[in-house]
C-alpha atoms as a PDB file:
ATOM      1  CA  MET A   1     127.631  80.563  95.726  1.00  0.00           C
ATOM      2  CA  ALA A   2     124.180  81.867  96.588  1.00  0.00           C
ATOM      3  CA  ASP A   3     123.424  85.570  96.378  1.00  0.00           C
ATOM      4  CA  THR A   4     122.414  85.588 100.041  1.00  0.00           C
ATOM      5  CA  LEU A   5     124.173  83.890 102.940  1.00  0.00           C
ATOM      6  CA  LYS A   6     121.648  82.427 105.376  1.00  0.00           C
ATOM      7  CA  LEU A   7     122.904  82.859 108.928  1.00  0.00           C
ATOM      8  CA  ALA A   8     121.834  81.464 112.302  1.00  0.00           C
ATOM      9  CA  PHE A   9     122.427  83.458 115.467  1.00  0.00           C
ATOM     10  CA  VAL A  10     123.433  81.054 118.239  1.00  0.00           C
ATOM     11  CA  GLY A  11     123.232  82.857 121.559  1.00  0.00           C
ATOM     12  CA  CYS A  12     120.949  85.871 121.603  1.00  0.00           C
ATOM     13  CA  GLY A  13     122.435  87.879 124.454  1.00  0.00           C
ATOM     14  CA  ALA A  14     123.521  91.513 124.379  1.00  0.00           C
ATOM     15  CA  ILE A  15     126.286  91.067 121.769  1.00  0.00           C
ATOM     16  CA  ALA A  16     123.749  89.737 119.257  1.00  0.00           C
ATOM     17  CA  ARG A  17     122.261  93.228 118.934  1.00  0.00           C
ATOM     18  CA  TYR A  18     125.617  94.604 117.763  1.00  0.00           C
ATOM     19  CA  HIS A  19     126.048  91.768 115.290  1.00  0.00           C
ATOM     20  CA  LEU A  20     122.573  92.279 113.850  1.00  0.00           C
ATOM     21  CA  ASP A  21     123.001  96.048 113.592  1.00  0.00           C
ATOM     22  CA  GLY A  22     126.296  95.515 111.758  1.00  0.00           C
ATOM     23  CA  ILE A  23     124.709  93.045 109.367  1.00  0.00           C
ATOM     24  CA  LYS A  24     121.821  95.407 108.634  1.00  0.00           C
ATOM     25  CA  GLU A  25     124.146  98.337 108.005  1.00  0.00           C
ATOM     26  CA  HIS A  26     127.053  96.682 106.198  1.00  0.00           C
ATOM     27  CA  ALA A  27     126.092  93.227 104.925  1.00  0.00           C
ATOM     28  CA  PRO A  28     122.942  93.291 102.799  1.00  0.00           C
ATOM     29  CA  ARG A  29     123.720  89.834 101.386  1.00  0.00           C
ATOM     30  CA  ILE A  30     123.359  88.197 104.807  1.00  0.00           C
ATOM     31  CA  SER A  31     119.934  87.073 105.973  1.00  0.00           C
ATOM     32  CA  VAL A  32     119.445  85.911 109.566  1.00  0.00           C
ATOM     33  CA  THR A  33     117.088  82.961 109.166  1.00  0.00           C
ATOM     34  CA  ALA A  34     117.387  81.359 112.611  1.00  0.00           C
ATOM     35  CA  ALA A  35     117.884  82.467 116.205  1.00  0.00           C
ATOM     36  CA  VAL A  36     118.917  79.991 118.897  1.00  0.00           C
ATOM     37  CA  ASP A  37     118.875  80.588 122.636  1.00  0.00           C
ATOM     38  CA  LEU A  38     118.022  78.555 125.723  1.00  0.00           C
ATOM     39  CA  ASP A  39     115.733  81.460 126.637  1.00  0.00           C
ATOM     40  CA  PRO A  40     112.931  81.157 124.068  1.00  0.00           C
ATOM     41  CA  GLU A  41     111.939  84.799 124.493  1.00  0.00           C
ATOM     42  CA  LYS A  42     115.420  85.997 123.507  1.00  0.00           C
ATOM     43  CA  ALA A  43     115.453  83.756 120.446  1.00  0.00           C
ATOM     44  CA  GLN A  44     111.980  84.923 119.477  1.00  0.00           C
ATOM     45  CA  VAL A  45     112.975  88.606 119.596  1.00  0.00           C
ATOM     46  CA  TYR A  46     115.591  88.056 116.890  1.00  0.00           C
ATOM     47  CA  ALA A  47     113.466  85.631 114.905  1.00  0.00           C
ATOM     48  CA  THR A  48     110.617  88.134 114.802  1.00  0.00           C
ATOM     49  CA  GLU A  49     112.879  91.026 113.842  1.00  0.00           C
ATOM     50  CA  THR A  50     114.591  89.109 111.037  1.00  0.00           C
ATOM     51  CA  GLY A  51     111.712  86.977 109.790  1.00  0.00           C
ATOM     52  CA  GLY A  52     113.620  83.878 110.877  1.00  0.00           C
ATOM     53  CA  THR A  53     112.721  80.917 113.065  1.00  0.00           C
ATOM     54  CA  ALA A  54     113.391  80.654 116.801  1.00  0.00           C
ATOM     55  CA  TYR A  55     114.940  77.506 118.257  1.00  0.00           C
ATOM     56  CA  ALA A  56     115.478  76.512 121.888  1.00  0.00           C
ATOM     57  CA  ASN A  57     118.696  74.580 121.215  1.00  0.00           C
ATOM     58  CA  LEU A  58     121.414  74.134 118.628  1.00  0.00           C
ATOM     59  CA  ASP A  59     120.607  70.495 117.858  1.00  0.00           C
ATOM     60  CA  GLU A  60     117.054  71.399 116.837  1.00  0.00           C
ATOM     61  CA  ALA A  61     118.287  74.283 114.698  1.00  0.00           C
ATOM     62  CA  LEU A  62     120.846  72.093 112.933  1.00  0.00           C
ATOM     63  CA  GLU A  63     118.194  69.457 112.271  1.00  0.00           C
ATOM     64  CA  LYS A  64     115.361  71.732 111.122  1.00  0.00           C
ATOM     65  CA  GLY A  65     116.833  75.131 110.257  1.00  0.00           C
ATOM     66  CA  ASP A  66     117.569  76.610 106.850  1.00  0.00           C
ATOM     67  CA  PHE A  67     120.963  78.312 107.084  1.00  0.00           C
ATOM     68  CA  ASP A  68     124.463  78.072 105.641  1.00  0.00           C
ATOM     69  CA  ALA A  69     126.472  79.495 108.521  1.00  0.00           C
ATOM     70  CA  VAL A  70     126.307  80.194 112.233  1.00  0.00           C
ATOM     71  CA  ASP A  71     127.362  83.186 114.287  1.00  0.00           C
ATOM     72  CA  LEU A  72     128.308  81.638 117.644  1.00  0.00           C
ATOM     73  CA  MET A  73     127.877  84.159 120.470  1.00  0.00           C
ATOM     74  CA  LEU A  74     128.067  81.859 123.467  1.00  0.00           C
ATOM     75  CA  PRO A  75     130.000  81.715 126.736  1.00  0.00           C
ATOM     76  CA  HIS A  76     133.593  80.676 126.038  1.00  0.00           C
ATOM     77  CA  ASP A  77     133.265  77.266 127.680  1.00  0.00           C
ATOM     78  CA  LEU A  78     130.557  76.324 125.161  1.00  0.00           C
ATOM     79  CA  HIS A  79     132.491  77.268 122.019  1.00  0.00           C
ATOM     80  CA  GLU A  80     134.117  73.910 121.310  1.00  0.00           C
ATOM     81  CA  GLU A  81     130.973  71.812 121.586  1.00  0.00           C
ATOM     82  CA  ALA A  82     128.875  74.210 119.527  1.00  0.00           C
ATOM     83  CA  ALA A  83     131.500  74.813 116.847  1.00  0.00           C
ATOM     84  CA  THR A  84     132.268  71.128 116.345  1.00  0.00           C
ATOM     85  CA  LYS A  85     128.555  70.310 116.037  1.00  0.00           C
ATOM     86  CA  CYS A  86     128.172  73.005 113.417  1.00  0.00           C
ATOM     87  CA  PHE A  87     131.196  71.828 111.454  1.00  0.00           C
ATOM     88  CA  ALA A  88     129.904  68.245 111.571  1.00  0.00           C
ATOM     89  CA  ALA A  89     126.641  69.533 110.090  1.00  0.00           C
ATOM     90  CA  GLY A  90     128.545  71.228 107.250  1.00  0.00           C
ATOM     91  CA  LYS A  91     127.988  74.796 108.443  1.00  0.00           C
ATOM     92  CA  HIS A  92     130.384  77.711 108.143  1.00  0.00           C
ATOM     93  CA  VAL A  93     131.231  79.193 111.562  1.00  0.00           C
ATOM     94  CA  LEU A  94     131.893  82.701 112.841  1.00  0.00           C
ATOM     95  CA  LEU A  95     133.109  82.365 116.424  1.00  0.00           C
ATOM     96  CA  GLU A  96     133.349  85.121 119.020  1.00  0.00           C
ATOM     97  CA  LYS A  97     136.728  85.505 120.727  1.00  0.00           C
ATOM     98  CA  PRO A  98     138.377  83.876 122.458  1.00  0.00           C
ATOM     99  CA  MET A  99     138.087  80.679 120.457  1.00  0.00           C
ATOM    100  CA  SER A 100     138.524  78.747 123.694  1.00  0.00           C
ATOM    101  CA  LEU A 101     140.245  79.091 127.027  1.00  0.00           C
ATOM    102  CA  GLU A 102     142.443  76.011 126.465  1.00  0.00           C
ATOM    103  CA  LEU A 103     144.944  75.415 123.660  1.00  0.00           C
ATOM    104  CA  ASP A 104     143.930  71.773 123.157  1.00  0.00           C
ATOM    105  CA  SER A 105     140.324  72.867 122.730  1.00  0.00           C
ATOM    106  CA  CYS A 106     141.394  75.405 120.088  1.00  0.00           C
ATOM    107  CA  GLU A 107     143.279  72.672 118.262  1.00  0.00           C
ATOM    108  CA  ARG A 108     140.191  70.425 118.254  1.00  0.00           C
ATOM    109  CA  ILE A 109     138.056  73.259 116.877  1.00  0.00           C
ATOM    110  CA  LEU A 110     140.591  73.911 114.117  1.00  0.00           C
ATOM    111  CA  ALA A 111     140.785  70.196 113.277  1.00  0.00           C
ATOM    112  CA  ALA A 112     136.985  69.982 113.043  1.00  0.00           C
ATOM    113  CA  ALA A 113     136.908  73.001 110.734  1.00  0.00           C
ATOM    114  CA  LYS A 114     139.581  71.501 108.492  1.00  0.00           C
ATOM    115  CA  ALA A 115     137.834  68.123 108.375  1.00  0.00           C
ATOM    116  CA  ALA A 116     134.526  69.758 107.458  1.00  0.00           C
ATOM    117  CA  GLY A 117     136.041  71.859 104.692  1.00  0.00           C
ATOM    118  CA  THR A 118     133.908  74.821 105.706  1.00  0.00           C
ATOM    119  CA  VAL A 119     134.852  78.434 106.390  1.00  0.00           C
ATOM    120  CA  PHE A 120     135.904  79.258 109.950  1.00  0.00           C
ATOM    121  CA  MET A 121     136.351  82.796 111.181  1.00  0.00           C
END
């Protein structure tokens, strides 16, 4: 395992600030290398602060970005699509609660995580 975990922030709304502050204070082996948001200005704020790269969408980040894991901080109805894309790309996933609003969606997320063999939190 690498000494540093490279992390992408996906969704750069208000909660992202708390996640970044926690990483800075308690997780020195995590480096935020990508920030993804539909609002390019929000993504750029975090990319500039962390020395990472800003992306306008998850597909572009998964194709071009350099990261091992994603911190998904999206509206609940977007969790399944984003998480399953990340698992398919071989990324570890940290997902904000609730996992999903529907049980069958949660089961699909869990199945995708198991199939990928990556860490899901």
